[in-house]
Each structure stands twice: as structure tokens, then as C-alpha cells.
């Protein structure tokens, strides 16, 4: 009788493991089916999505002057015969956790082959509200990235809100003097964005932050201390996940007229410089040609 029991436990554990693995696989397939466009990419077309903040959006200039539009022009010249579709998914004021929250809508729905991830300037800004803490907590960590866990959590949250047992986030009336996204939360969100991009079959690419102007402006000076740390987090994430990195923070040749008067945002000249850096660095890394199978 004892021998029978000893045999049953391994069988039960194995069966449970196989069931959980099958459920996780099914949920991953369901996720891809739900968020990706039907039919896949058109022949000869490469879709690139730039996910980020106001630097990506091109604020305060026009969208056609933002670096995603300039990058599209550069790619068409450098690799003619390819239909380059570069989509701008930049939202002014966004942190990395906010980018994660809209990933399915703004990135996955486009069915990209390449995802350029560019956050940091808002994340390291020492003006944190309660909503920032809540958004950071919504990004799954470690085993919680499992689709089975996320499906179960979503149901619990839905039940909690419907019954009033789970309170929503409470915004703080005044910002607190801490980065909007903690260093640990920033690293976790980048890891999660990389994993999510890979899940939809895209190549993730990380970008360090654009430089800060050497000016005595409060918004710039507030970021001077955390700025190097958050760039190191981006570099470490690229190394840890073995993804390409575009180095903007230390890149040479920043134009003299690259910055808007606030010292943070970029002029059309600065945006063109960013686009050229992205194109050239990823071209040297062989990313563009790899996507074309050359």
C-alpha cells in the first residue's frame, strides 16, 4: 500500500505540471490570436513601432518631424524596395508602466516585426503621484508574467471591483519627491516589455534616453542625478535580455540647436539626429538586413 502511494504522488505532480503547462500554452496562443492582426504582414512590408514618451511623439513639434517619421525616410533610402511602415506610439508624459498598459492596443495590434522601446525621462522625474505607484504595481514581475496567473488575477480584480471589495487607486494631491517609476520598477517594466514584444514575434530594441541640455532649468536639473542611473538600467536590461541597444545618451554629434527652450524636448534638428543614430547603430548591428533575410 505504501509503494502505491509513493508512485501516485509523482504521477499526480507530473499530471498537474502538464496540465498547467498546457493551459499556459493555450493562453499564450489565445493572447496572440486576440491582439495580433489577422493575415500577418503584407509581402515585402516591415512594420516598426516606436513606443515611448513625448520625445518619440515629437512634442512640441509636428509628427512629421518626430524621429519615427525621419527614421522611415532614412530606411526607405537605405533599403529601397521594402515597404517600411514606422508607427509612432509615443505619448507625451508617459512612463514605462503606462507604455506597458497600452502595449496591446498601440503595439501588438500593428503586428510589428521590430519594437523600439524608448522610456526614461518621465520615469526618472522626481515628481511621483499615487497613480504612478499604482501603475508600476500593475506590471507583472517574475512568475507573475505567466498568462495563467494574469488571467486568474484579472478575474479576481474584476470580481473585487464589481463587489466593491477592491478599491481603485487614490491619486495624491501633490507630487512626492521620488522618481515617478522606481529604479526596480523601471527595470522590471523594461524586462516585461521585452518579453511581451518577443511574445508577439517582434524583435525588441532598447534606447537610452536622449541627452539633457546643459542649461540651468529646474526640469533639467531635477533629472540630473537620476538620469545616469536610469540609463544604466536600460543598458543592463539590454545586456540581460540580449537585445540590441541604441546608445543615445552618450552618442556624439548632438547638434547645437537640438533642444527646445525647456532643455528636454528636441527640435526638428534634434529629432533628425536621433533618427540617424537609430538607423546607423542598428544598421551596423545588422538589424535591418536581418529583418529582410539578407
C-alpha atoms as a PDB file:
ATOM      1  CA  UNK A   1       0.000   0.000   0.000  1.00  0.00           C
ATOM      2  CA  UNK A   2       2.840   2.347   0.831  1.00  0.00           C
ATOM      3  CA  UNK A   3       4.527   1.652  -2.512  1.00  0.00           C
ATOM      4  CA  UNK A   4       1.302   2.518  -4.345  1.00  0.00           C
ATOM      5  CA  UNK A   5       1.111   5.861  -2.565  1.00  0.00           C
ATOM      6  CA  UNK A   6       4.731   6.633  -3.375  1.00  0.00           C
ATOM      7  CA  UNK A   7       4.027   6.051  -7.039  1.00  0.00           C
ATOM      8  CA  UNK A   8       0.853   8.137  -7.067  1.00  0.00           C
ATOM      9  CA  UNK A   9       2.381  11.402  -5.853  1.00  0.00           C
ATOM     10  CA  UNK A  10       4.928  11.732  -8.694  1.00  0.00           C
ATOM     11  CA  UNK A  11       2.188  10.868 -11.169  1.00  0.00           C
ATOM     12  CA  UNK A  12      -0.119  13.484  -9.676  1.00  0.00           C
ATOM     13  CA  UNK A  13       2.636  16.114  -9.713  1.00  0.00           C
ATOM     14  CA  UNK A  14       3.560  15.269 -13.314  1.00  0.00           C
ATOM     15  CA  UNK A  15      -0.058  15.383 -14.426  1.00  0.00           C
ATOM     16  CA  UNK A  16      -0.619  18.732 -12.693  1.00  0.00           C
ATOM     17  CA  UNK A  17       2.551  20.158 -14.255  1.00  0.00           C
ATOM     18  CA  UNK A  18       1.498  19.015 -17.718  1.00  0.00           C
ATOM     19  CA  UNK A  19      -1.991  20.467 -17.223  1.00  0.00           C
ATOM     20  CA  UNK A  20      -0.619  23.835 -16.089  1.00  0.00           C
ATOM     21  CA  UNK A  21       1.878  23.912 -18.969  1.00  0.00           C
ATOM     22  CA  UNK A  22      -0.844  23.104 -21.493  1.00  0.00           C
ATOM     23  CA  UNK A  23      -3.091  25.797 -20.031  1.00  0.00           C
ATOM     24  CA  UNK A  24      -0.272  28.359 -20.153  1.00  0.00           C
ATOM     25  CA  UNK A  25       0.469  27.475 -23.792  1.00  0.00           C
ATOM     26  CA  UNK A  26      -3.209  27.734 -24.700  1.00  0.00           C
ATOM     27  CA  UNK A  27      -3.469  31.162 -23.058  1.00  0.00           C
ATOM     28  CA  UNK A  28      -0.369  32.379 -24.911  1.00  0.00           C
ATOM     29  CA  UNK A  29      -1.829  31.225 -28.214  1.00  0.00           C
ATOM     30  CA  UNK A  30      -5.124  32.884 -27.319  1.00  0.00           C
ATOM     31  CA  UNK A  31      -3.302  36.109 -26.457  1.00  0.00           C
ATOM     32  CA  UNK A  32      -1.514  36.188 -29.829  1.00  0.00           C
ATOM     33  CA  UNK A  33      -4.767  35.396 -31.639  1.00  0.00           C
ATOM     34  CA  UNK A  34      -6.559  38.178 -29.751  1.00  0.00           C
ATOM     35  CA  UNK A  35      -4.013  41.010 -30.153  1.00  0.00           C
ATOM     36  CA  UNK A  36      -2.270  40.374 -33.466  1.00  0.00           C
ATOM     37  CA  UNK A  37      -3.842  41.487 -36.756  1.00  0.00           C
ATOM     38  CA  UNK A  38      -5.332  38.826 -38.996  1.00  0.00           C
ATOM     39  CA  UNK A  39      -3.363  37.764 -42.033  1.00  0.00           C
ATOM     40  CA  UNK A  40       0.104  38.791 -40.825  1.00  0.00           C
ATOM     41  CA  UNK A  41       2.426  41.236 -42.564  1.00  0.00           C
ATOM     42  CA  UNK A  42       1.928  42.100 -46.225  1.00  0.00           C
ATOM     43  CA  UNK A  43       4.604  40.713 -48.571  1.00  0.00           C
ATOM     44  CA  UNK A  44       7.653  42.958 -48.678  1.00  0.00           C
ATOM     45  CA  UNK A  45       6.496  45.034 -45.714  1.00  0.00           C
ATOM     46  CA  UNK A  46       8.347  45.580 -42.430  1.00  0.00           C
ATOM     47  CA  UNK A  47       6.452  47.231 -39.586  1.00  0.00           C
ATOM     48  CA  UNK A  48       8.390  49.089 -36.896  1.00  0.00           C
ATOM     49  CA  UNK A  49       6.632  50.524 -33.830  1.00  0.00           C
ATOM     50  CA  UNK A  50       8.303  53.214 -31.711  1.00  0.00           C
ATOM     51  CA  UNK A  51       6.894  53.005 -28.172  1.00  0.00           C
ATOM     52  CA  UNK A  52       7.740  55.874 -25.862  1.00  0.00           C
ATOM     53  CA  UNK A  53       7.032  59.320 -24.488  1.00  0.00           C
ATOM     54  CA  UNK A  54       6.992  62.893 -25.816  1.00  0.00           C
ATOM     55  CA  UNK A  55      10.445  62.535 -27.395  1.00  0.00           C
ATOM     56  CA  UNK A  56       9.020  59.777 -29.587  1.00  0.00           C
ATOM     57  CA  UNK A  57       5.788  61.691 -30.170  1.00  0.00           C
ATOM     58  CA  UNK A  58       7.804  64.709 -31.344  1.00  0.00           C
ATOM     59  CA  UNK A  59       6.319  67.179 -28.862  1.00  0.00           C
ATOM     60  CA  UNK A  60       6.137  70.147 -29.183  1.00  0.00           C
ATOM     61  CA  UNK A  61       6.751  69.893 -32.937  1.00  0.00           C
ATOM     62  CA  UNK A  62       4.798  68.199 -35.691  1.00  0.00           C
ATOM     63  CA  UNK A  63       4.523  64.424 -36.074  1.00  0.00           C
ATOM     64  CA  UNK A  64       6.271  64.536 -39.449  1.00  0.00           C
ATOM     65  CA  UNK A  65       9.361  65.981 -37.748  1.00  0.00           C
ATOM     66  CA  UNK A  66       9.456  63.324 -34.995  1.00  0.00           C
ATOM     67  CA  UNK A  67      12.218  60.756 -35.244  1.00  0.00           C
ATOM     68  CA  UNK A  68       9.926  57.825 -36.201  1.00  0.00           C
ATOM     69  CA  UNK A  69       8.897  59.694 -39.376  1.00  0.00           C
ATOM     70  CA  UNK A  70      12.522  60.653 -40.066  1.00  0.00           C
ATOM     71  CA  UNK A  71      13.606  57.053 -39.475  1.00  0.00           C
ATOM     72  CA  UNK A  72      11.041  55.846 -42.011  1.00  0.00           C
ATOM     73  CA  UNK A  73      12.525  58.215 -44.612  1.00  0.00           C
ATOM     74  CA  UNK A  74      16.046  57.011 -43.830  1.00  0.00           C
ATOM     75  CA  UNK A  75      15.027  53.354 -44.112  1.00  0.00           C
ATOM     76  CA  UNK A  76      13.363  53.924 -47.483  1.00  0.00           C
ATOM     77  CA  UNK A  77      16.552  55.471 -48.785  1.00  0.00           C
ATOM     78  CA  UNK A  78      18.854  52.888 -47.224  1.00  0.00           C
ATOM     79  CA  UNK A  79      16.758  49.859 -48.110  1.00  0.00           C
ATOM     80  CA  UNK A  80      14.676  50.653 -51.201  1.00  0.00           C
ATOM     81  CA  UNK A  81      12.274  48.077 -52.497  1.00  0.00           C
ATOM     82  CA  UNK A  82      10.930  47.434 -48.998  1.00  0.00           C
ATOM     83  CA  UNK A  83       7.640  48.826 -47.722  1.00  0.00           C
ATOM     84  CA  UNK A  84       8.719  50.390 -44.426  1.00  0.00           C
ATOM     85  CA  UNK A  85       5.869  51.091 -42.032  1.00  0.00           C
ATOM     86  CA  UNK A  86       7.141  53.023 -38.998  1.00  0.00           C
ATOM     87  CA  UNK A  87       4.402  53.787 -36.488  1.00  0.00           C
ATOM     88  CA  UNK A  88       4.661  56.437 -33.803  1.00  0.00           C
ATOM     89  CA  UNK A  89       3.336  55.136 -30.458  1.00  0.00           C
ATOM     90  CA  UNK A  90       4.739  57.983 -28.382  1.00  0.00           C
ATOM     91  CA  UNK A  91       2.514  59.638 -25.772  1.00  0.00           C
ATOM     92  CA  UNK A  92       3.678  62.825 -24.026  1.00  0.00           C
ATOM     93  CA  UNK A  93       4.160  62.375 -20.286  1.00  0.00           C
ATOM     94  CA  UNK A  94       4.139  58.588 -20.386  1.00  0.00           C
ATOM     95  CA  UNK A  95       6.272  56.414 -18.138  1.00  0.00           C
ATOM     96  CA  UNK A  96       7.323  52.851 -18.977  1.00  0.00           C
ATOM     97  CA  UNK A  97       4.441  51.327 -16.925  1.00  0.00           C
ATOM     98  CA  UNK A  98       1.987  53.473 -18.893  1.00  0.00           C
ATOM     99  CA  UNK A  99       3.563  52.208 -22.087  1.00  0.00           C
ATOM    100  CA  UNK A 100       3.108  48.656 -20.842  1.00  0.00           C
ATOM    101  CA  UNK A 101      -0.583  49.339 -20.144  1.00  0.00           C
ATOM    102  CA  UNK A 102      -1.220  50.298 -23.782  1.00  0.00           C
ATOM    103  CA  UNK A 103       1.105  47.751 -25.406  1.00  0.00           C
ATOM    104  CA  UNK A 104      -1.662  45.554 -26.815  1.00  0.00           C
ATOM    105  CA  UNK A 105      -3.538  48.480 -28.348  1.00  0.00           C
ATOM    106  CA  UNK A 106      -0.634  50.566 -29.642  1.00  0.00           C
ATOM    107  CA  UNK A 107       1.990  47.927 -30.447  1.00  0.00           C
ATOM    108  CA  UNK A 108       0.671  44.382 -30.755  1.00  0.00           C
ATOM    109  CA  UNK A 109      -2.351  45.430 -32.827  1.00  0.00           C
ATOM    110  CA  UNK A 110       0.023  46.659 -35.550  1.00  0.00           C
ATOM    111  CA  UNK A 111       1.721  43.260 -35.873  1.00  0.00           C
ATOM    112  CA  UNK A 112       5.269  44.721 -35.848  1.00  0.00           C
ATOM    113  CA  UNK A 113       8.487  42.935 -36.704  1.00  0.00           C
ATOM    114  CA  UNK A 114      10.528  45.446 -34.650  1.00  0.00           C
ATOM    115  CA  UNK A 115       9.604  47.331 -31.463  1.00  0.00           C
ATOM    116  CA  UNK A 116      11.751  50.305 -30.418  1.00  0.00           C
ATOM    117  CA  UNK A 117      11.312  50.924 -26.669  1.00  0.00           C
ATOM    118  CA  UNK A 118      12.225  54.456 -25.543  1.00  0.00           C
ATOM    119  CA  UNK A 119      11.353  55.498 -21.989  1.00  0.00           C
ATOM    120  CA  UNK A 120      13.111  57.079 -19.035  1.00  0.00           C
ATOM    121  CA  UNK A 121      12.844  60.866 -18.974  1.00  0.00           C
ATOM    122  CA  UNK A 122       9.449  60.754 -17.269  1.00  0.00           C
ATOM    123  CA  UNK A 123      10.284  57.687 -15.191  1.00  0.00           C
ATOM    124  CA  UNK A 124      13.281  59.378 -13.553  1.00  0.00           C
ATOM    125  CA  UNK A 125      11.433  62.643 -12.968  1.00  0.00           C
ATOM    126  CA  UNK A 126      11.215  63.144  -9.154  1.00  0.00           C
ATOM    127  CA  UNK A 127       7.510  64.057  -9.151  1.00  0.00           C
ATOM    128  CA  UNK A 128       5.681  60.876  -8.226  1.00  0.00           C
ATOM    129  CA  UNK A 129       1.945  60.678  -7.709  1.00  0.00           C
ATOM    130  CA  UNK A 130      -0.069  57.844  -6.189  1.00  0.00           C
ATOM    131  CA  UNK A 131      -1.221  56.824  -9.659  1.00  0.00           C
ATOM    132  CA  UNK A 132       2.414  56.289 -10.651  1.00  0.00           C
ATOM    133  CA  UNK A 133       2.875  53.806  -7.805  1.00  0.00           C
ATOM    134  CA  UNK A 134      -0.350  52.043  -8.803  1.00  0.00           C
ATOM    135  CA  UNK A 135       0.697  51.811 -12.474  1.00  0.00           C
ATOM    136  CA  UNK A 136       4.085  50.409 -11.507  1.00  0.00           C
ATOM    137  CA  UNK A 137       2.391  47.758  -9.368  1.00  0.00           C
ATOM    138  CA  UNK A 138       0.260  46.652 -12.359  1.00  0.00           C
ATOM    139  CA  UNK A 139       3.332  45.455 -14.268  1.00  0.00           C
ATOM    140  CA  UNK A 140       3.819  41.729 -13.511  1.00  0.00           C
ATOM    141  CA  UNK A 141       7.080  40.502 -12.040  1.00  0.00           C
ATOM    142  CA  UNK A 142       8.824  37.161 -12.435  1.00  0.00           C
ATOM    143  CA  UNK A 143       6.431  34.209 -12.410  1.00  0.00           C
ATOM    144  CA  UNK A 144       3.505  36.638 -12.336  1.00  0.00           C
ATOM    145  CA  UNK A 145       4.209  37.249 -16.059  1.00  0.00           C
ATOM    146  CA  UNK A 146       2.615  33.844 -16.630  1.00  0.00           C
ATOM    147  CA  UNK A 147      -0.533  34.225 -18.717  1.00  0.00           C
ATOM    148  CA  UNK A 148      -2.299  31.759 -16.434  1.00  0.00           C
ATOM    149  CA  UNK A 149      -1.517  33.947 -13.430  1.00  0.00           C
ATOM    150  CA  UNK A 150      -2.563  37.106 -15.281  1.00  0.00           C
ATOM    151  CA  UNK A 151      -5.857  35.535 -16.369  1.00  0.00           C
ATOM    152  CA  UNK A 152      -6.629  34.485 -12.792  1.00  0.00           C
ATOM    153  CA  UNK A 153      -5.626  37.891 -11.441  1.00  0.00           C
ATOM    154  CA  UNK A 154      -7.815  39.709 -13.971  1.00  0.00           C
ATOM    155  CA  UNK A 155     -10.834  37.713 -12.838  1.00  0.00           C
ATOM    156  CA  UNK A 156     -10.134  38.417  -9.168  1.00  0.00           C
ATOM    157  CA  UNK A 157      -9.702  42.139  -9.853  1.00  0.00           C
ATOM    158  CA  UNK A 158     -12.909  42.238 -11.898  1.00  0.00           C
ATOM    159  CA  UNK A 159     -14.821  40.479  -9.109  1.00  0.00           C
ATOM    160  CA  UNK A 160     -13.293  42.753  -6.463  1.00  0.00           C
ATOM    161  CA  UNK A 161     -14.307  45.916  -8.282  1.00  0.00           C
ATOM    162  CA  UNK A 162     -17.787  44.685  -9.093  1.00  0.00           C
ATOM    163  CA  UNK A 163     -18.431  43.831  -5.454  1.00  0.00           C
ATOM    164  CA  UNK A 164     -16.697  46.909  -4.106  1.00  0.00           C
ATOM    165  CA  UNK A 165     -14.191  44.816  -2.163  1.00  0.00           C
ATOM    166  CA  UNK A 166     -11.240  46.128  -4.146  1.00  0.00           C
ATOM    167  CA  UNK A 167     -10.643  49.866  -4.091  1.00  0.00           C
ATOM    168  CA  UNK A 168      -9.221  51.710  -7.067  1.00  0.00           C
ATOM    169  CA  UNK A 169      -6.091  53.876  -6.967  1.00  0.00           C
ATOM    170  CA  UNK A 170      -6.173  57.049  -4.915  1.00  0.00           C
ATOM    171  CA  UNK A 171      -4.284  59.933  -6.535  1.00  0.00           C
ATOM    172  CA  UNK A 172      -2.200  62.144  -4.287  1.00  0.00           C
ATOM    173  CA  UNK A 173      -2.974  65.883  -4.371  1.00  0.00           C
ATOM    174  CA  UNK A 174       0.712  66.827  -4.566  1.00  0.00           C
ATOM    175  CA  UNK A 175       3.653  65.061  -6.238  1.00  0.00           C
ATOM    176  CA  UNK A 176       6.183  63.392  -3.956  1.00  0.00           C
ATOM    177  CA  UNK A 177       9.962  63.991  -4.434  1.00  0.00           C
ATOM    178  CA  UNK A 178      10.666  60.496  -5.769  1.00  0.00           C
ATOM    179  CA  UNK A 179      11.099  59.191  -9.330  1.00  0.00           C
ATOM    180  CA  UNK A 180       7.755  58.520 -10.975  1.00  0.00           C
ATOM    181  CA  UNK A 181       8.906  54.932 -11.545  1.00  0.00           C
ATOM    182  CA  UNK A 182      11.270  53.395  -9.001  1.00  0.00           C
ATOM    183  CA  UNK A 183      14.582  52.033 -10.343  1.00  0.00           C
ATOM    184  CA  UNK A 184      13.478  48.464  -9.600  1.00  0.00           C
ATOM    185  CA  UNK A 185      10.074  49.068 -11.163  1.00  0.00           C
ATOM    186  CA  UNK A 186      11.685  50.630 -14.253  1.00  0.00           C
ATOM    187  CA  UNK A 187      13.970  47.621 -14.735  1.00  0.00           C
ATOM    188  CA  UNK A 188      11.057  45.209 -14.271  1.00  0.00           C
ATOM    189  CA  UNK A 189       8.880  47.096 -16.760  1.00  0.00           C
ATOM    190  CA  UNK A 190      11.592  47.093 -19.415  1.00  0.00           C
ATOM    191  CA  UNK A 191      12.099  43.349 -18.910  1.00  0.00           C
ATOM    192  CA  UNK A 192       8.343  42.830 -19.233  1.00  0.00           C
ATOM    193  CA  UNK A 193       8.101  44.965 -22.390  1.00  0.00           C
ATOM    194  CA  UNK A 194      10.948  42.986 -23.957  1.00  0.00           C
ATOM    195  CA  UNK A 195       9.197  39.713 -23.082  1.00  0.00           C
ATOM    196  CA  UNK A 196       5.879  40.990 -24.433  1.00  0.00           C
ATOM    197  CA  UNK A 197       7.492  42.075 -27.729  1.00  0.00           C
ATOM    198  CA  UNK A 198       9.044  38.654 -28.134  1.00  0.00           C
ATOM    199  CA  UNK A 199       5.709  37.009 -27.369  1.00  0.00           C
ATOM    200  CA  UNK A 200       4.149  38.659 -30.445  1.00  0.00           C
ATOM    201  CA  UNK A 201       7.116  37.611 -32.594  1.00  0.00           C
ATOM    202  CA  UNK A 202       8.819  41.023 -32.760  1.00  0.00           C
ATOM    203  CA  UNK A 203      12.436  41.993 -32.211  1.00  0.00           C
ATOM    204  CA  UNK A 204      12.647  44.365 -29.213  1.00  0.00           C
ATOM    205  CA  UNK A 205      15.227  47.170 -29.215  1.00  0.00           C
ATOM    206  CA  UNK A 206      16.034  49.393 -26.232  1.00  0.00           C
ATOM    207  CA  UNK A 207      17.084  53.042 -26.486  1.00  0.00           C
ATOM    208  CA  UNK A 208      18.898  55.006 -23.828  1.00  0.00           C
ATOM    209  CA  UNK A 209      17.457  58.443 -23.120  1.00  0.00           C
ATOM    210  CA  UNK A 210      18.224  61.418 -25.291  1.00  0.00           C
ATOM    211  CA  UNK A 211      20.784  63.819 -23.755  1.00  0.00           C
ATOM    212  CA  UNK A 212      19.827  66.651 -21.447  1.00  0.00           C
ATOM    213  CA  UNK A 213      20.776  70.180 -22.425  1.00  0.00           C
ATOM    214  CA  UNK A 214      23.455  71.826 -20.300  1.00  0.00           C
ATOM    215  CA  UNK A 215      21.153  74.542 -19.011  1.00  0.00           C
ATOM    216  CA  UNK A 216      20.115  75.822 -15.578  1.00  0.00           C
ATOM    217  CA  UNK A 217      16.440  74.909 -15.897  1.00  0.00           C
ATOM    218  CA  UNK A 218      14.581  73.298 -12.995  1.00  0.00           C
ATOM    219  CA  UNK A 219      13.065  70.496 -15.115  1.00  0.00           C
ATOM    220  CA  UNK A 220      16.506  69.535 -16.409  1.00  0.00           C
ATOM    221  CA  UNK A 221      18.321  69.884 -13.094  1.00  0.00           C
ATOM    222  CA  UNK A 222      15.718  67.702 -11.361  1.00  0.00           C
ATOM    223  CA  UNK A 223      16.724  64.834 -13.648  1.00  0.00           C
ATOM    224  CA  UNK A 224      20.498  65.335 -13.471  1.00  0.00           C
ATOM    225  CA  UNK A 225      21.011  62.954 -10.529  1.00  0.00           C
ATOM    226  CA  UNK A 226      18.748  60.009 -11.530  1.00  0.00           C
ATOM    227  CA  UNK A 227      19.451  60.346 -15.272  1.00  0.00           C
ATOM    228  CA  UNK A 228      22.724  58.296 -15.329  1.00  0.00           C
ATOM    229  CA  UNK A 229      21.227  55.574 -13.112  1.00  0.00           C
ATOM    230  CA  UNK A 230      18.188  55.083 -15.346  1.00  0.00           C
ATOM    231  CA  UNK A 231      20.374  54.915 -18.443  1.00  0.00           C
ATOM    232  CA  UNK A 232      22.435  52.215 -16.737  1.00  0.00           C
ATOM    233  CA  UNK A 233      19.223  50.324 -16.028  1.00  0.00           C
ATOM    234  CA  UNK A 234      18.368  50.455 -19.741  1.00  0.00           C
ATOM    235  CA  UNK A 235      21.849  49.204 -20.689  1.00  0.00           C
ATOM    236  CA  UNK A 236      21.718  46.425 -18.100  1.00  0.00           C
ATOM    237  CA  UNK A 237      18.304  45.332 -19.369  1.00  0.00           C
ATOM    238  CA  UNK A 238      19.625  45.144 -22.935  1.00  0.00           C
ATOM    239  CA  UNK A 239      22.571  43.017 -21.783  1.00  0.00           C
ATOM    240  CA  UNK A 240      20.456  40.801 -19.536  1.00  0.00           C
ATOM    241  CA  UNK A 241      17.880  40.116 -22.242  1.00  0.00           C
ATOM    242  CA  UNK A 242      20.368  40.066 -25.120  1.00  0.00           C
ATOM    243  CA  UNK A 243      18.580  42.658 -27.195  1.00  0.00           C
ATOM    244  CA  UNK A 244      20.037  45.438 -29.373  1.00  0.00           C
ATOM    245  CA  UNK A 245      20.730  48.761 -27.687  1.00  0.00           C
ATOM    246  CA  UNK A 246      20.747  52.186 -29.325  1.00  0.00           C
ATOM    247  CA  UNK A 247      23.041  54.465 -27.337  1.00  0.00           C
ATOM    248  CA  UNK A 248      21.672  57.995 -27.480  1.00  0.00           C
ATOM    249  CA  UNK A 249      22.776  59.373 -24.100  1.00  0.00           C
ATOM    250  CA  UNK A 250      26.477  59.092 -24.996  1.00  0.00           C
ATOM    251  CA  UNK A 251      26.247  59.401 -28.777  1.00  0.00           C
ATOM    252  CA  UNK A 252      28.441  62.107 -30.339  1.00  0.00           C
ATOM    253  CA  UNK A 253      27.499  64.901 -32.687  1.00  0.00           C
ATOM    254  CA  UNK A 254      24.457  66.354 -30.936  1.00  0.00           C
ATOM    255  CA  UNK A 255      23.531  69.488 -32.963  1.00  0.00           C
ATOM    256  CA  UNK A 256      23.915  72.838 -31.257  1.00  0.00           C
ATOM    257  CA  UNK A 257      20.259  73.582 -31.976  1.00  0.00           C
ATOM    258  CA  UNK A 258      18.970  70.167 -30.859  1.00  0.00           C
ATOM    259  CA  UNK A 259      16.974  71.336 -27.839  1.00  0.00           C
ATOM    260  CA  UNK A 260      13.796  73.253 -27.284  1.00  0.00           C
ATOM    261  CA  UNK A 261      13.967  76.078 -24.683  1.00  0.00           C
ATOM    262  CA  UNK A 262      12.960  73.630 -21.902  1.00  0.00           C
ATOM    263  CA  UNK A 263      16.223  71.697 -22.362  1.00  0.00           C
ATOM    264  CA  UNK A 264      14.403  68.366 -22.553  1.00  0.00           C
ATOM    265  CA  UNK A 265      12.433  68.201 -25.765  1.00  0.00           C
ATOM    266  CA  UNK A 266      14.014  68.172 -29.193  1.00  0.00           C
ATOM    267  CA  UNK A 267      13.765  70.493 -32.150  1.00  0.00           C
ATOM    268  CA  UNK A 268      13.394  69.163 -35.683  1.00  0.00           C
ATOM    269  CA  UNK A 269      17.196  69.161 -35.876  1.00  0.00           C
ATOM    270  CA  UNK A 270      17.465  67.095 -32.699  1.00  0.00           C
ATOM    271  CA  UNK A 271      14.831  64.665 -33.922  1.00  0.00           C
ATOM    272  CA  UNK A 272      16.700  64.189 -37.203  1.00  0.00           C
ATOM    273  CA  UNK A 273      19.889  63.439 -35.214  1.00  0.00           C
ATOM    274  CA  UNK A 274      18.068  60.770 -33.184  1.00  0.00           C
ATOM    275  CA  UNK A 275      16.686  59.142 -36.340  1.00  0.00           C
ATOM    276  CA  UNK A 276      20.149  58.992 -37.897  1.00  0.00           C
ATOM    277  CA  UNK A 277      21.638  57.499 -34.734  1.00  0.00           C
ATOM    278  CA  UNK A 278      18.966  54.798 -34.614  1.00  0.00           C
ATOM    279  CA  UNK A 279      19.342  53.963 -38.284  1.00  0.00           C
ATOM    280  CA  UNK A 280      23.155  53.913 -38.247  1.00  0.00           C
ATOM    281  CA  UNK A 281      23.632  51.986 -34.999  1.00  0.00           C
ATOM    282  CA  UNK A 282      21.105  49.303 -35.898  1.00  0.00           C
ATOM    283  CA  UNK A 283      22.452  49.156 -39.438  1.00  0.00           C
ATOM    284  CA  UNK A 284      25.926  48.421 -38.076  1.00  0.00           C
ATOM    285  CA  UNK A 285      24.383  45.769 -35.825  1.00  0.00           C
ATOM    286  CA  UNK A 286      22.785  44.175 -38.915  1.00  0.00           C
ATOM    287  CA  UNK A 287      19.243  44.505 -37.594  1.00  0.00           C
ATOM    288  CA  UNK A 288      17.635  45.976 -40.702  1.00  0.00           C
ATOM    289  CA  UNK A 289      19.177  43.457 -43.077  1.00  0.00           C
ATOM    290  CA  UNK A 290      18.351  40.597 -40.665  1.00  0.00           C
ATOM    291  CA  UNK A 291      14.687  41.537 -40.797  1.00  0.00           C
ATOM    292  CA  UNK A 292      14.860  41.345 -44.589  1.00  0.00           C
ATOM    293  CA  UNK A 293      16.548  37.950 -44.555  1.00  0.00           C
ATOM    294  CA  UNK A 294      19.702  39.276 -46.195  1.00  0.00           C
END
